[in-house]
Amino acid sequence: MTTVANVAVALVALLHLYFLILEMFLWEKPLGLRTFGLTPELAKASKALAANQGLYNGFLVAGLVWGLGLGETGNPIKLFFLSCVVVAGVFGALTANRKILWVQALPGAIALALVLAS
C-alpha cells in the first residue's frame, strides 16, 4: 500500500509541476491560452498573478518531493502538503472554475487517503 500511496503522491507532484510550467512559462502561449480559456489581452494583464500562482504550485511540488524523499517518516509532510493541495483545489473550484475540483482537489484527496491508509 505504501508504494501505491507514494506513486499517487508523485503523480500529484508531477501534476503541480505541470501547473507551475503552465502558469509561469506558458501563460501567454497557445497552450496556456487554451488551457485557461484566456484571450491574449487578459493573459498579458494577468501574467504576474499567474506566475505568482505558479510559484505556489512549485512550493507544493517541493513539499511533496521532500516528503517522498524521507520515506515513511515523511508521511506527516506528505499529509500536510496534500491537505494544502485539497484545500487549494476546493477553494479554486468555489471561486474560479469547478473543473479545478476534479483536476486538483480529487487527485490530492485520493493521494491523501492512500497515505493515511498506508
PDB file of N, CA and C in Angstrom:
ATOM      1  N   MET A   1       0.821  -1.202   0.000  1.00  0.00           N
ATOM      2  CA  MET A   1       0.000   0.000   0.000  1.00  0.00           C
ATOM      3  C   MET A   1       0.861   1.261   0.000  1.00  0.00           C
ATOM      4  N   THR A   2       2.016   1.204   0.672  1.00  0.00           N
ATOM      5  CA  THR A   2       2.902   2.365   0.719  1.00  0.00           C
ATOM      6  C   THR A   2       3.374   2.755  -0.675  1.00  0.00           C
ATOM      7  N   THR A   3       3.692   1.762  -1.503  1.00  0.00           N
ATOM      8  CA  THR A   3       4.149   2.052  -2.859  1.00  0.00           C
ATOM      9  C   THR A   3       3.049   2.735  -3.667  1.00  0.00           C
ATOM     10  N   VAL A   4       1.835   2.258  -3.563  1.00  0.00           N
ATOM     11  CA  VAL A   4       0.704   2.868  -4.272  1.00  0.00           C
ATOM     12  C   VAL A   4       0.509   4.311  -3.802  1.00  0.00           C
ATOM     13  N   ALA A   5       0.594   4.524  -2.500  1.00  0.00           N
ATOM     14  CA  ALA A   5       0.448   5.873  -1.946  1.00  0.00           C
ATOM     15  C   ALA A   5       1.552   6.787  -2.468  1.00  0.00           C
ATOM     16  N   ASN A   6       2.772   6.302  -2.477  1.00  0.00           N
ATOM     17  CA  ASN A   6       3.891   7.120  -2.955  1.00  0.00           C
ATOM     18  C   ASN A   6       3.774   7.433  -4.444  1.00  0.00           C
ATOM     19  N   VAL A   7       3.284   6.492  -5.218  1.00  0.00           N
ATOM     20  CA  VAL A   7       3.061   6.752  -6.650  1.00  0.00           C
ATOM     21  C   VAL A   7       1.997   7.842  -6.811  1.00  0.00           C
ATOM     22  N   ALA A   8       0.940   7.761  -6.010  1.00  0.00           N
ATOM     23  CA  ALA A   8      -0.115   8.777  -6.075  1.00  0.00           C
ATOM     24  C   ALA A   8       0.429  10.151  -5.676  1.00  0.00           C
ATOM     25  N   VAL A   9       1.246  10.206  -4.647  1.00  0.00           N
ATOM     26  CA  VAL A   9       1.858  11.473  -4.220  1.00  0.00           C
ATOM     27  C   VAL A   9       2.748  12.011  -5.334  1.00  0.00           C
ATOM     28  N   ALA A  10       3.539  11.139  -5.948  1.00  0.00           N
ATOM     29  CA  ALA A  10       4.413  11.562  -7.037  1.00  0.00           C
ATOM     30  C   ALA A  10       3.604  12.087  -8.225  1.00  0.00           C
ATOM     31  N   LEU A  11       2.484  11.456  -8.519  1.00  0.00           N
ATOM     32  CA  LEU A  11       1.628  11.927  -9.609  1.00  0.00           C
ATOM     33  C   LEU A  11       1.042  13.312  -9.302  1.00  0.00           C
ATOM     34  N   VAL A  12       0.649  13.530  -8.063  1.00  0.00           N
ATOM     35  CA  VAL A  12       0.146  14.852  -7.665  1.00  0.00           C
ATOM     36  C   VAL A  12       1.268  15.884  -7.792  1.00  0.00           C
ATOM     37  N   ALA A  13       2.475  15.511  -7.390  1.00  0.00           N
ATOM     38  CA  ALA A  13       3.609  16.427  -7.519  1.00  0.00           C
ATOM     39  C   ALA A  13       3.863  16.761  -8.992  1.00  0.00           C
ATOM     40  N   LEU A  14       3.811  15.759  -9.862  1.00  0.00           N
ATOM     41  CA  LEU A  14       4.014  15.999 -11.293  1.00  0.00           C
ATOM     42  C   LEU A  14       2.911  16.882 -11.879  1.00  0.00           C
ATOM     43  N   LEU A  15       1.692  16.662 -11.417  1.00  0.00           N
ATOM     44  CA  LEU A  15       0.580  17.489 -11.859  1.00  0.00           C
ATOM     45  C   LEU A  15       0.817  18.954 -11.498  1.00  0.00           C
ATOM     46  N   HIS A  16       1.305  19.195 -10.294  1.00  0.00           N
ATOM     47  CA  HIS A  16       1.560  20.570  -9.861  1.00  0.00           C
ATOM     48  C   HIS A  16       2.806  21.161 -10.527  1.00  0.00           C
ATOM     49  N   LEU A  17       3.733  20.329 -10.895  1.00  0.00           N
ATOM     50  CA  LEU A  17       4.863  20.806 -11.691  1.00  0.00           C
ATOM     51  C   LEU A  17       4.354  21.278 -13.061  1.00  0.00           C
ATOM     52  N   TYR A  18       3.428  20.542 -13.629  1.00  0.00           N
ATOM     53  CA  TYR A  18       2.798  20.930 -14.890  1.00  0.00           C
ATOM     54  C   TYR A  18       2.064  22.265 -14.732  1.00  0.00           C
ATOM     55  N   PHE A  19       1.334  22.422 -13.614  1.00  0.00           N
ATOM     56  CA  PHE A  19       0.641  23.696 -13.362  1.00  0.00           C
ATOM     57  C   PHE A  19       1.657  24.837 -13.276  1.00  0.00           C
ATOM     58  N   LEU A  20       2.768  24.600 -12.587  1.00  0.00           N
ATOM     59  CA  LEU A  20       3.822  25.614 -12.475  1.00  0.00           C
ATOM     60  C   LEU A  20       4.294  26.035 -13.873  1.00  0.00           C
ATOM     61  N   ILE A  21       4.571  25.074 -14.715  1.00  0.00           N
ATOM     62  CA  ILE A  21       5.068  25.372 -16.064  1.00  0.00           C
ATOM     63  C   ILE A  21       4.023  26.155 -16.861  1.00  0.00           C
ATOM     64  N   LEU A  22       2.775  25.720 -16.784  1.00  0.00           N
ATOM     65  CA  LEU A  22       1.708  26.434 -17.488  1.00  0.00           C
ATOM     66  C   LEU A  22       1.586  27.874 -17.000  1.00  0.00           C
ATOM     67  N   GLU A  23       1.594  28.067 -15.700  1.00  0.00           N
ATOM     68  CA  GLU A  23       1.335  29.387 -15.130  1.00  0.00           C
ATOM     69  C   GLU A  23       2.541  30.323 -15.197  1.00  0.00           C
ATOM     70  N   MET A  24       3.728  29.783 -15.081  1.00  0.00           N
ATOM     71  CA  MET A  24       4.910  30.642 -15.061  1.00  0.00           C
ATOM     72  C   MET A  24       5.517  30.866 -16.443  1.00  0.00           C
ATOM     73  N   PHE A  25       5.419  29.883 -17.314  1.00  0.00           N
ATOM     74  CA  PHE A  25       6.145  29.952 -18.576  1.00  0.00           C
ATOM     75  C   PHE A  25       5.270  29.900 -19.828  1.00  0.00           C
ATOM     76  N   LEU A  26       4.082  29.336 -19.717  1.00  0.00           N
ATOM     77  CA  LEU A  26       3.240  29.160 -20.905  1.00  0.00           C
ATOM     78  C   LEU A  26       1.945  29.964 -20.862  1.00  0.00           C
ATOM     79  N   TRP A  27       1.815  30.840 -19.904  1.00  0.00           N
ATOM     80  CA  TRP A  27       0.577  31.587 -19.676  1.00  0.00           C
ATOM     81  C   TRP A  27       0.103  32.312 -20.937  1.00  0.00           C
ATOM     82  N   GLU A  28       1.026  32.952 -21.647  1.00  0.00           N
ATOM     83  CA  GLU A  28       0.656  33.728 -22.831  1.00  0.00           C
ATOM     84  C   GLU A  28       0.840  32.948 -24.137  1.00  0.00           C
ATOM     85  N   LYS A  29       1.258  31.715 -24.028  1.00  0.00           N
ATOM     86  CA  LYS A  29       1.467  30.872 -25.202  1.00  0.00           C
ATOM     87  C   LYS A  29       0.146  30.173 -25.569  1.00  0.00           C
ATOM     88  N   PRO A  30       0.052  29.630 -26.777  1.00  0.00           N
ATOM     89  CA  PRO A  30      -1.206  28.981 -27.195  1.00  0.00           C
ATOM     90  C   PRO A  30      -1.712  27.918 -26.214  1.00  0.00           C
ATOM     91  N   LEU A  31      -0.815  27.084 -25.669  1.00  0.00           N
ATOM     92  CA  LEU A  31      -1.265  26.055 -24.725  1.00  0.00           C
ATOM     93  C   LEU A  31      -1.847  26.683 -23.466  1.00  0.00           C
ATOM     94  N   GLY A  32      -1.203  27.709 -22.935  1.00  0.00           N
ATOM     95  CA  GLY A  32      -1.720  28.385 -21.754  1.00  0.00           C
ATOM     96  C   GLY A  32      -3.046  29.071 -22.019  1.00  0.00           C
ATOM     97  N   LEU A  33      -3.134  29.748 -23.159  1.00  0.00           N
ATOM     98  CA  LEU A  33      -4.383  30.424 -23.516  1.00  0.00           C
ATOM     99  C   LEU A  33      -5.529  29.423 -23.639  1.00  0.00           C
ATOM    100  N   ARG A  34      -5.270  28.295 -24.299  1.00  0.00           N
ATOM    101  CA  ARG A  34      -6.280  27.248 -24.476  1.00  0.00           C
ATOM    102  C   ARG A  34      -6.666  26.611 -23.151  1.00  0.00           C
ATOM    103  N   THR A  35      -5.661  26.278 -22.357  1.00  0.00           N
ATOM    104  CA  THR A  35      -5.906  25.587 -21.090  1.00  0.00           C
ATOM    105  C   THR A  35      -6.781  26.411 -20.162  1.00  0.00           C
ATOM    106  N   PHE A  36      -6.494  27.704 -20.088  1.00  0.00           N
ATOM    107  CA  PHE A  36      -7.210  28.556 -19.140  1.00  0.00           C
ATOM    108  C   PHE A  36      -8.315  29.383 -19.789  1.00  0.00           C
ATOM    109  N   GLY A  37      -8.525  29.209 -21.083  1.00  0.00           N
ATOM    110  CA  GLY A  37      -9.589  29.927 -21.773  1.00  0.00           C
ATOM    111  C   GLY A  37      -9.396  31.436 -21.760  1.00  0.00           C
ATOM    112  N   LEU A  38      -8.169  31.870 -21.998  1.00  0.00           N
ATOM    113  CA  LEU A  38      -7.829  33.292 -21.922  1.00  0.00           C
ATOM    114  C   LEU A  38      -7.715  33.921 -23.297  1.00  0.00           C
ATOM    115  N   THR A  39      -7.972  35.208 -23.325  1.00  0.00           N
ATOM    116  CA  THR A  39      -7.631  35.987 -24.506  1.00  0.00           C
ATOM    117  C   THR A  39      -6.190  36.446 -24.332  1.00  0.00           C
ATOM    118  N   PRO A  40      -5.499  36.763 -25.407  1.00  0.00           N
ATOM    119  CA  PRO A  40      -4.129  37.267 -25.270  1.00  0.00           C
ATOM    120  C   PRO A  40      -4.054  38.516 -24.381  1.00  0.00           C
ATOM    121  N   GLU A  41      -5.058  39.367 -24.466  1.00  0.00           N
ATOM    122  CA  GLU A  41      -5.069  40.595 -23.658  1.00  0.00           C
ATOM    123  C   GLU A  41      -5.195  40.280 -22.167  1.00  0.00           C
ATOM    124  N   LEU A  42      -6.101  39.379 -21.828  1.00  0.00           N
ATOM    125  CA  LEU A  42      -6.272  39.004 -20.419  1.00  0.00           C
ATOM    126  C   LEU A  42      -5.033  38.281 -19.900  1.00  0.00           C
ATOM    127  N   ALA A  43      -4.443  37.449 -20.731  1.00  0.00           N
ATOM    128  CA  ALA A  43      -3.222  36.737 -20.320  1.00  0.00           C
ATOM    129  C   ALA A  43      -2.099  37.729 -20.032  1.00  0.00           C
ATOM    130  N   LYS A  44      -1.958  38.719 -20.880  1.00  0.00           N
ATOM    131  CA  LYS A  44      -0.905  39.715 -20.666  1.00  0.00           C
ATOM    132  C   LYS A  44      -1.151  40.498 -19.382  1.00  0.00           C
ATOM    133  N   ALA A  45      -2.399  40.866 -19.145  1.00  0.00           N
ATOM    134  CA  ALA A  45      -2.747  41.653 -17.957  1.00  0.00           C
ATOM    135  C   ALA A  45      -2.590  40.855 -16.662  1.00  0.00           C
ATOM    136  N   SER A  46      -2.748  39.536 -16.735  1.00  0.00           N
ATOM    137  CA  SER A  46      -2.718  38.707 -15.520  1.00  0.00           C
ATOM    138  C   SER A  46      -1.444  37.869 -15.399  1.00  0.00           C
ATOM    139  N   LYS A  47      -0.461  38.152 -16.238  1.00  0.00           N
ATOM    140  CA  LYS A  47       0.760  37.346 -16.281  1.00  0.00           C
ATOM    141  C   LYS A  47       1.470  37.280 -14.924  1.00  0.00           C
ATOM    142  N   ALA A  48       1.604  38.402 -14.244  1.00  0.00           N
ATOM    143  CA  ALA A  48       2.296  38.413 -12.948  1.00  0.00           C
ATOM    144  C   ALA A  48       1.525  37.611 -11.901  1.00  0.00           C
ATOM    145  N   LEU A  49       0.211  37.711 -11.909  1.00  0.00           N
ATOM    146  CA  LEU A  49      -0.604  36.927 -10.970  1.00  0.00           C
ATOM    147  C   LEU A  49      -0.451  35.436 -11.231  1.00  0.00           C
ATOM    148  N   ALA A  50      -0.447  35.071 -12.504  1.00  0.00           N
ATOM    149  CA  ALA A  50      -0.293  33.660 -12.862  1.00  0.00           C
ATOM    150  C   ALA A  50       1.070  33.128 -12.449  1.00  0.00           C
ATOM    151  N   ALA A  51       2.108  33.925 -12.646  1.00  0.00           N
ATOM    152  CA  ALA A  51       3.453  33.499 -12.253  1.00  0.00           C
ATOM    153  C   ALA A  51       3.528  33.293 -10.745  1.00  0.00           C
ATOM    154  N   ASN A  52       2.875  34.165 -10.002  1.00  0.00           N
ATOM    155  CA  ASN A  52       2.838  34.021  -8.545  1.00  0.00           C
ATOM    156  C   ASN A  52       2.125  32.730  -8.159  1.00  0.00           C
ATOM    157  N   GLN A  53       1.022  32.455  -8.813  1.00  0.00           N
ATOM    158  CA  GLN A  53       0.273  31.220  -8.563  1.00  0.00           C
ATOM    159  C   GLN A  53       1.120  30.002  -8.920  1.00  0.00           C
ATOM    160  N   GLY A  54       1.855  30.093 -10.021  1.00  0.00           N
ATOM    161  CA  GLY A  54       2.741  29.000 -10.418  1.00  0.00           C
ATOM    162  C   GLY A  54       3.819  28.740  -9.385  1.00  0.00           C
ATOM    163  N   LEU A  55       4.340  29.822  -8.806  1.00  0.00           N
ATOM    164  CA  LEU A  55       5.356  29.676  -7.764  1.00  0.00           C
ATOM    165  C   LEU A  55       4.802  28.910  -6.568  1.00  0.00           C
ATOM    166  N   TYR A  56       3.566  29.210  -6.176  1.00  0.00           N
ATOM    167  CA  TYR A  56       2.945  28.476  -5.075  1.00  0.00           C
ATOM    168  C   TYR A  56       2.790  26.998  -5.418  1.00  0.00           C
ATOM    169  N   ASN A  57       2.467  26.695  -6.665  1.00  0.00           N
ATOM    170  CA  ASN A  57       2.413  25.291  -7.078  1.00  0.00           C
ATOM    171  C   ASN A  57       3.779  24.644  -6.952  1.00  0.00           C
ATOM    172  N   GLY A  58       4.830  25.417  -7.219  1.00  0.00           N
ATOM    173  CA  GLY A  58       6.189  24.908  -7.040  1.00  0.00           C
ATOM    174  C   GLY A  58       6.486  24.556  -5.592  1.00  0.00           C
ATOM    175  N   PHE A  59       5.974  25.360  -4.666  1.00  0.00           N
ATOM    176  CA  PHE A  59       6.165  25.040  -3.248  1.00  0.00           C
ATOM    177  C   PHE A  59       5.456  23.739  -2.884  1.00  0.00           C
ATOM    178  N   LEU A  60       4.286  23.508  -3.468  1.00  0.00           N
ATOM    179  CA  LEU A  60       3.591  22.239  -3.228  1.00  0.00           C
ATOM    180  C   LEU A  60       4.416  21.071  -3.756  1.00  0.00           C
ATOM    181  N   VAL A  61       4.980  21.236  -4.940  1.00  0.00           N
ATOM    182  CA  VAL A  61       5.850  20.188  -5.516  1.00  0.00           C
ATOM    183  C   VAL A  61       7.029  19.929  -4.584  1.00  0.00           C
ATOM    184  N   ALA A  62       7.684  20.995  -4.138  1.00  0.00           N
ATOM    185  CA  ALA A  62       8.852  20.840  -3.267  1.00  0.00           C
ATOM    186  C   ALA A  62       8.490  20.095  -1.985  1.00  0.00           C
ATOM    187  N   GLY A  63       7.361  20.435  -1.396  1.00  0.00           N
ATOM    188  CA  GLY A  63       6.945  19.764  -0.167  1.00  0.00           C
ATOM    189  C   GLY A  63       6.631  18.294  -0.383  1.00  0.00           C
ATOM    190  N   LEU A  64       5.951  17.990  -1.470  1.00  0.00           N
ATOM    191  CA  LEU A  64       5.613  16.591  -1.744  1.00  0.00           C
ATOM    192  C   LEU A  64       6.864  15.773  -2.045  1.00  0.00           C
ATOM    193  N   VAL A  65       7.789  16.337  -2.797  1.00  0.00           N
ATOM    194  CA  VAL A  65       9.047  15.637  -3.090  1.00  0.00           C
ATOM    195  C   VAL A  65       9.864  15.461  -1.813  1.00  0.00           C
ATOM    196  N   TRP A  66       9.878  16.467  -0.972  1.00  0.00           N
ATOM    197  CA  TRP A  66      10.557  16.368   0.329  1.00  0.00           C
ATOM    198  C   TRP A  66       9.982  15.210   1.128  1.00  0.00           C
ATOM    199  N   GLY A  67       8.661  15.155   1.234  1.00  0.00           N
ATOM    200  CA  GLY A  67       8.013  14.070   1.967  1.00  0.00           C
ATOM    201  C   GLY A  67       8.329  12.713   1.376  1.00  0.00           C
ATOM    202  N   LEU A  68       8.315  12.616   0.052  1.00  0.00           N
ATOM    203  CA  LEU A  68       8.650  11.343  -0.604  1.00  0.00           C
ATOM    204  C   LEU A  68      10.088  10.938  -0.328  1.00  0.00           C
ATOM    205  N   GLY A  69      10.976  11.911  -0.324  1.00  0.00           N
ATOM    206  CA  GLY A  69      12.387  11.624  -0.094  1.00  0.00           C
ATOM    207  C   GLY A  69      12.677  11.082   1.298  1.00  0.00           C
ATOM    208  N   LEU A  70      11.807  11.378   2.232  1.00  0.00           N
ATOM    209  CA  LEU A  70      12.008  10.902   3.601  1.00  0.00           C
ATOM    210  C   LEU A  70      11.398   9.529   3.854  1.00  0.00           C
ATOM    211  N   GLY A  71      10.751   8.957   2.857  1.00  0.00           N
ATOM    212  CA  GLY A  71      10.128   7.645   3.038  1.00  0.00           C
ATOM    213  C   GLY A  71       8.952   7.733   3.988  1.00  0.00           C
ATOM    214  N   GLU A  72       8.767   6.685   4.782  1.00  0.00           N
ATOM    215  CA  GLU A  72       7.619   6.649   5.708  1.00  0.00           C
ATOM    216  C   GLU A  72       7.691   7.740   6.764  1.00  0.00           C
ATOM    217  N   THR A  73       8.895   8.148   7.142  1.00  0.00           N
ATOM    218  CA  THR A  73       8.992   9.219   8.134  1.00  0.00           C
ATOM    219  C   THR A  73       8.536  10.556   7.553  1.00  0.00           C
ATOM    220  N   GLY A  74       8.384  10.618   6.234  1.00  0.00           N
ATOM    221  CA  GLY A  74       7.884  11.826   5.583  1.00  0.00           C
ATOM    222  C   GLY A  74       6.375  11.883   5.469  1.00  0.00           C
ATOM    223  N   ASN A  75       5.675  10.890   6.010  1.00  0.00           N
ATOM    224  CA  ASN A  75       4.216  10.883   5.898  1.00  0.00           C
ATOM    225  C   ASN A  75       3.559  12.146   6.456  1.00  0.00           C
ATOM    226  N   PRO A  76       3.977  12.656   7.619  1.00  0.00           N
ATOM    227  CA  PRO A  76       3.345  13.900   8.092  1.00  0.00           C
ATOM    228  C   PRO A  76       3.535  15.072   7.113  1.00  0.00           C
ATOM    229  N   ILE A  77       4.671  15.125   6.463  1.00  0.00           N
ATOM    230  CA  ILE A  77       4.929  16.190   5.477  1.00  0.00           C
ATOM    231  C   ILE A  77       4.042  15.974   4.262  1.00  0.00           C
ATOM    232  N   LYS A  78       3.943  14.743   3.800  1.00  0.00           N
ATOM    233  CA  LYS A  78       3.060  14.436   2.668  1.00  0.00           C
ATOM    234  C   LYS A  78       1.622  14.804   3.006  1.00  0.00           C
ATOM    235  N   LEU A  79       1.185  14.455   4.211  1.00  0.00           N
ATOM    236  CA  LEU A  79      -0.189  14.753   4.618  1.00  0.00           C
ATOM    237  C   LEU A  79      -0.447  16.259   4.650  1.00  0.00           C
ATOM    238  N   PHE A  80       0.504  17.019   5.161  1.00  0.00           N
ATOM    239  CA  PHE A  80       0.342  18.467   5.205  1.00  0.00           C
ATOM    240  C   PHE A  80       0.211  19.050   3.798  1.00  0.00           C
ATOM    241  N   PHE A  81       1.148  18.703   2.911  1.00  0.00           N
ATOM    242  CA  PHE A  81       1.131  19.288   1.579  1.00  0.00           C
ATOM    243  C   PHE A  81      -0.040  18.780   0.740  1.00  0.00           C
ATOM    244  N   LEU A  82      -0.434  17.536   0.917  1.00  0.00           N
ATOM    245  CA  LEU A  82      -1.621  17.040   0.220  1.00  0.00           C
ATOM    246  C   LEU A  82      -2.877  17.738   0.721  1.00  0.00           C
ATOM    247  N   SER A  83      -2.926  18.028   2.012  1.00  0.00           N
ATOM    248  CA  SER A  83      -4.054  18.791   2.555  1.00  0.00           C
ATOM    249  C   SER A  83      -4.102  20.184   1.938  1.00  0.00           C
ATOM    250  N   CYS A  84      -2.945  20.801   1.762  1.00  0.00           N
ATOM    251  CA  CYS A  84      -2.871  22.109   1.097  1.00  0.00           C
ATOM    252  C   CYS A  84      -3.393  22.010  -0.335  1.00  0.00           C
ATOM    253  N   VAL A  85      -3.032  20.947  -1.032  1.00  0.00           N
ATOM    254  CA  VAL A  85      -3.498  20.733  -2.409  1.00  0.00           C
ATOM    255  C   VAL A  85      -5.025  20.639  -2.432  1.00  0.00           C
ATOM    256  N   VAL A  86      -5.582  19.870  -1.523  1.00  0.00           N
ATOM    257  CA  VAL A  86      -7.036  19.680  -1.496  1.00  0.00           C
ATOM    258  C   VAL A  86      -7.747  20.990  -1.164  1.00  0.00           C
ATOM    259  N   VAL A  87      -7.269  21.692  -0.150  1.00  0.00           N
ATOM    260  CA  VAL A  87      -7.896  22.965   0.231  1.00  0.00           C
ATOM    261  C   VAL A  87      -7.819  23.965  -0.928  1.00  0.00           C
ATOM    262  N   ALA A  88      -6.654  24.065  -1.554  1.00  0.00           N
ATOM    263  CA  ALA A  88      -6.500  24.981  -2.690  1.00  0.00           C
ATOM    264  C   ALA A  88      -7.419  24.573  -3.843  1.00  0.00           C
ATOM    265  N   GLY A  89      -7.546  23.285  -4.068  1.00  0.00           N
ATOM    266  CA  GLY A  89      -8.423  22.804  -5.135  1.00  0.00           C
ATOM    267  C   GLY A  89      -9.889  23.097  -4.869  1.00  0.00           C
ATOM    268  N   VAL A  90     -10.320  22.903  -3.644  1.00  0.00           N
ATOM    269  CA  VAL A  90     -11.716  23.213  -3.288  1.00  0.00           C
ATOM    270  C   VAL A  90     -11.954  24.716  -3.394  1.00  0.00           C
ATOM    271  N   PHE A  91     -11.028  25.505  -2.888  1.00  0.00           N
ATOM    272  CA  PHE A  91     -11.164  26.961  -2.968  1.00  0.00           C
ATOM    273  C   PHE A  91     -11.212  27.412  -4.427  1.00  0.00           C
ATOM    274  N   GLY A  92     -10.319  26.873  -5.245  1.00  0.00           N
ATOM    275  CA  GLY A  92     -10.314  27.214  -6.668  1.00  0.00           C
ATOM    276  C   GLY A  92     -11.617  26.825  -7.356  1.00  0.00           C
ATOM    277  N   ALA A  93     -12.162  25.677  -6.990  1.00  0.00           N
ATOM    278  CA  ALA A  93     -13.430  25.237  -7.579  1.00  0.00           C
ATOM    279  C   ALA A  93     -14.572  26.165  -7.185  1.00  0.00           C
ATOM    280  N   LEU A  94     -14.538  26.651  -5.956  1.00  0.00           N
ATOM    281  CA  LEU A  94     -15.602  27.546  -5.476  1.00  0.00           C
ATOM    282  C   LEU A  94     -15.472  28.960  -6.035  1.00  0.00           C
ATOM    283  N   THR A  95     -14.252  29.402  -6.284  1.00  0.00           N
ATOM    284  CA  THR A  95     -14.047  30.806  -6.648  1.00  0.00           C
ATOM    285  C   THR A  95     -13.670  31.045  -8.103  1.00  0.00           C
ATOM    286  N   ALA A  96     -13.140  30.033  -8.789  1.00  0.00           N
ATOM    287  CA  ALA A  96     -12.645  30.268 -10.148  1.00  0.00           C
ATOM    288  C   ALA A  96     -13.330  29.370 -11.181  1.00  0.00           C
ATOM    289  N   ASN A  97     -13.196  28.051 -11.016  1.00  0.00           N
ATOM    290  CA  ASN A  97     -13.695  27.128 -12.029  1.00  0.00           C
ATOM    291  C   ASN A  97     -13.932  25.763 -11.381  1.00  0.00           C
ATOM    292  N   ARG A  98     -15.122  25.237 -11.548  1.00  0.00           N
ATOM    293  CA  ARG A  98     -15.464  23.940 -10.933  1.00  0.00           C
ATOM    294  C   ARG A  98     -14.551  22.805 -11.373  1.00  0.00           C
ATOM    295  N   LYS A  99     -13.991  22.928 -12.570  1.00  0.00           N
ATOM    296  CA  LYS A  99     -13.097  21.895 -13.103  1.00  0.00           C
ATOM    297  C   LYS A  99     -11.903  21.661 -12.165  1.00  0.00           C
ATOM    298  N   ILE A 100     -11.507  22.680 -11.420  1.00  0.00           N
ATOM    299  CA  ILE A 100     -10.365  22.566 -10.509  1.00  0.00           C
ATOM    300  C   ILE A 100     -10.617  21.495  -9.439  1.00  0.00           C
ATOM    301  N   LEU A 101     -11.881  21.306  -9.095  1.00  0.00           N
ATOM    302  CA  LEU A 101     -12.213  20.270  -8.112  1.00  0.00           C
ATOM    303  C   LEU A 101     -11.758  18.899  -8.604  1.00  0.00           C
ATOM    304  N   TRP A 102     -11.949  18.635  -9.885  1.00  0.00           N
ATOM    305  CA  TRP A 102     -11.624  17.322 -10.447  1.00  0.00           C
ATOM    306  C   TRP A 102     -10.156  17.203 -10.833  1.00  0.00           C
ATOM    307  N   VAL A 103      -9.565  18.313 -11.264  1.00  0.00           N
ATOM    308  CA  VAL A 103      -8.186  18.278 -11.755  1.00  0.00           C
ATOM    309  C   VAL A 103      -7.167  18.371 -10.619  1.00  0.00           C
ATOM    310  N   GLN A 104      -7.511  19.090  -9.557  1.00  0.00           N
ATOM    311  CA  GLN A 104      -6.559  19.302  -8.457  1.00  0.00           C
ATOM    312  C   GLN A 104      -7.007  18.650  -7.156  1.00  0.00           C
ATOM    313  N   ALA A 105      -8.214  18.970  -6.705  1.00  0.00           N
ATOM    314  CA  ALA A 105      -8.642  18.501  -5.384  1.00  0.00           C
ATOM    315  C   ALA A 105      -8.826  16.981  -5.341  1.00  0.00           C
ATOM    316  N   LEU A 106      -9.452  16.410  -6.355  1.00  0.00           N
ATOM    317  CA  LEU A 106      -9.698  14.962  -6.341  1.00  0.00           C
ATOM    318  C   LEU A 106      -8.408  14.139  -6.332  1.00  0.00           C
ATOM    319  N   PRO A 107      -7.439  14.404  -7.230  1.00  0.00           N
ATOM    320  CA  PRO A 107      -6.190  13.643  -7.137  1.00  0.00           C
ATOM    321  C   PRO A 107      -5.491  13.825  -5.788  1.00  0.00           C
ATOM    322  N   GLY A 108      -5.533  15.049  -5.274  1.00  0.00           N
ATOM    323  CA  GLY A 108      -4.926  15.295  -3.957  1.00  0.00           C
ATOM    324  C   GLY A 108      -5.626  14.515  -2.857  1.00  0.00           C
ATOM    325  N   ALA A 109      -6.959  14.463  -2.918  1.00  0.00           N
ATOM    326  CA  ALA A 109      -7.733  13.737  -1.904  1.00  0.00           C
ATOM    327  C   ALA A 109      -7.474  12.229  -1.992  1.00  0.00           C
ATOM    328  N   ILE A 110      -7.353  11.721  -3.196  1.00  0.00           N
ATOM    329  CA  ILE A 110      -7.062  10.285  -3.367  1.00  0.00           C
ATOM    330  C   ILE A 110      -5.689   9.971  -2.790  1.00  0.00           C
ATOM    331  N   ALA A 111      -4.700  10.777  -3.131  1.00  0.00           N
ATOM    332  CA  ALA A 111      -3.338  10.557  -2.590  1.00  0.00           C
ATOM    333  C   ALA A 111      -3.351  10.690  -1.077  1.00  0.00           C
ATOM    334  N   LEU A 112      -4.073  11.668  -0.563  1.00  0.00           N
ATOM    335  CA  LEU A 112      -4.172  11.864   0.890  1.00  0.00           C
ATOM    336  C   LEU A 112      -4.760  10.623   1.554  1.00  0.00           C
ATOM    337  N   ALA A 113      -5.840  10.101   1.008  1.00  0.00           N
ATOM    338  CA  ALA A 113      -6.453   8.897   1.572  1.00  0.00           C
ATOM    339  C   ALA A 113      -5.503   7.701   1.514  1.00  0.00           C
ATOM    340  N   LEU A 114      -4.749   7.586   0.426  1.00  0.00           N
ATOM    341  CA  LEU A 114      -3.813   6.477   0.299  1.00  0.00           C
ATOM    342  C   LEU A 114      -2.663   6.586   1.310  1.00  0.00           C
ATOM    343  N   VAL A 115      -2.179   7.791   1.526  1.00  0.00           N
ATOM    344  CA  VAL A 115      -1.108   7.977   2.528  1.00  0.00           C
ATOM    345  C   VAL A 115      -1.661   7.655   3.916  1.00  0.00           C
ATOM    346  N   LEU A 116      -2.871   8.104   4.213  1.00  0.00           N
ATOM    347  CA  LEU A 116      -3.471   7.794   5.514  1.00  0.00           C
ATOM    348  C   LEU A 116      -3.662   6.297   5.709  1.00  0.00           C
ATOM    349  N   ALA A 117      -3.974   5.590   4.636  1.00  0.00           N
ATOM    350  CA  ALA A 117      -4.227   4.144   4.718  1.00  0.00           C
ATOM    351  C   ALA A 117      -2.930   3.329   4.748  1.00  0.00           C
ATOM    352  N   SER A 118      -1.806   3.940   4.377  1.00  0.00           N
ATOM    353  CA  SER A 118      -0.577   3.145   4.289  1.00  0.00           C
ATOM    354  C   SER A 118       0.133   3.025   5.634  1.00  0.00           C
TER     355      SER A 118
END
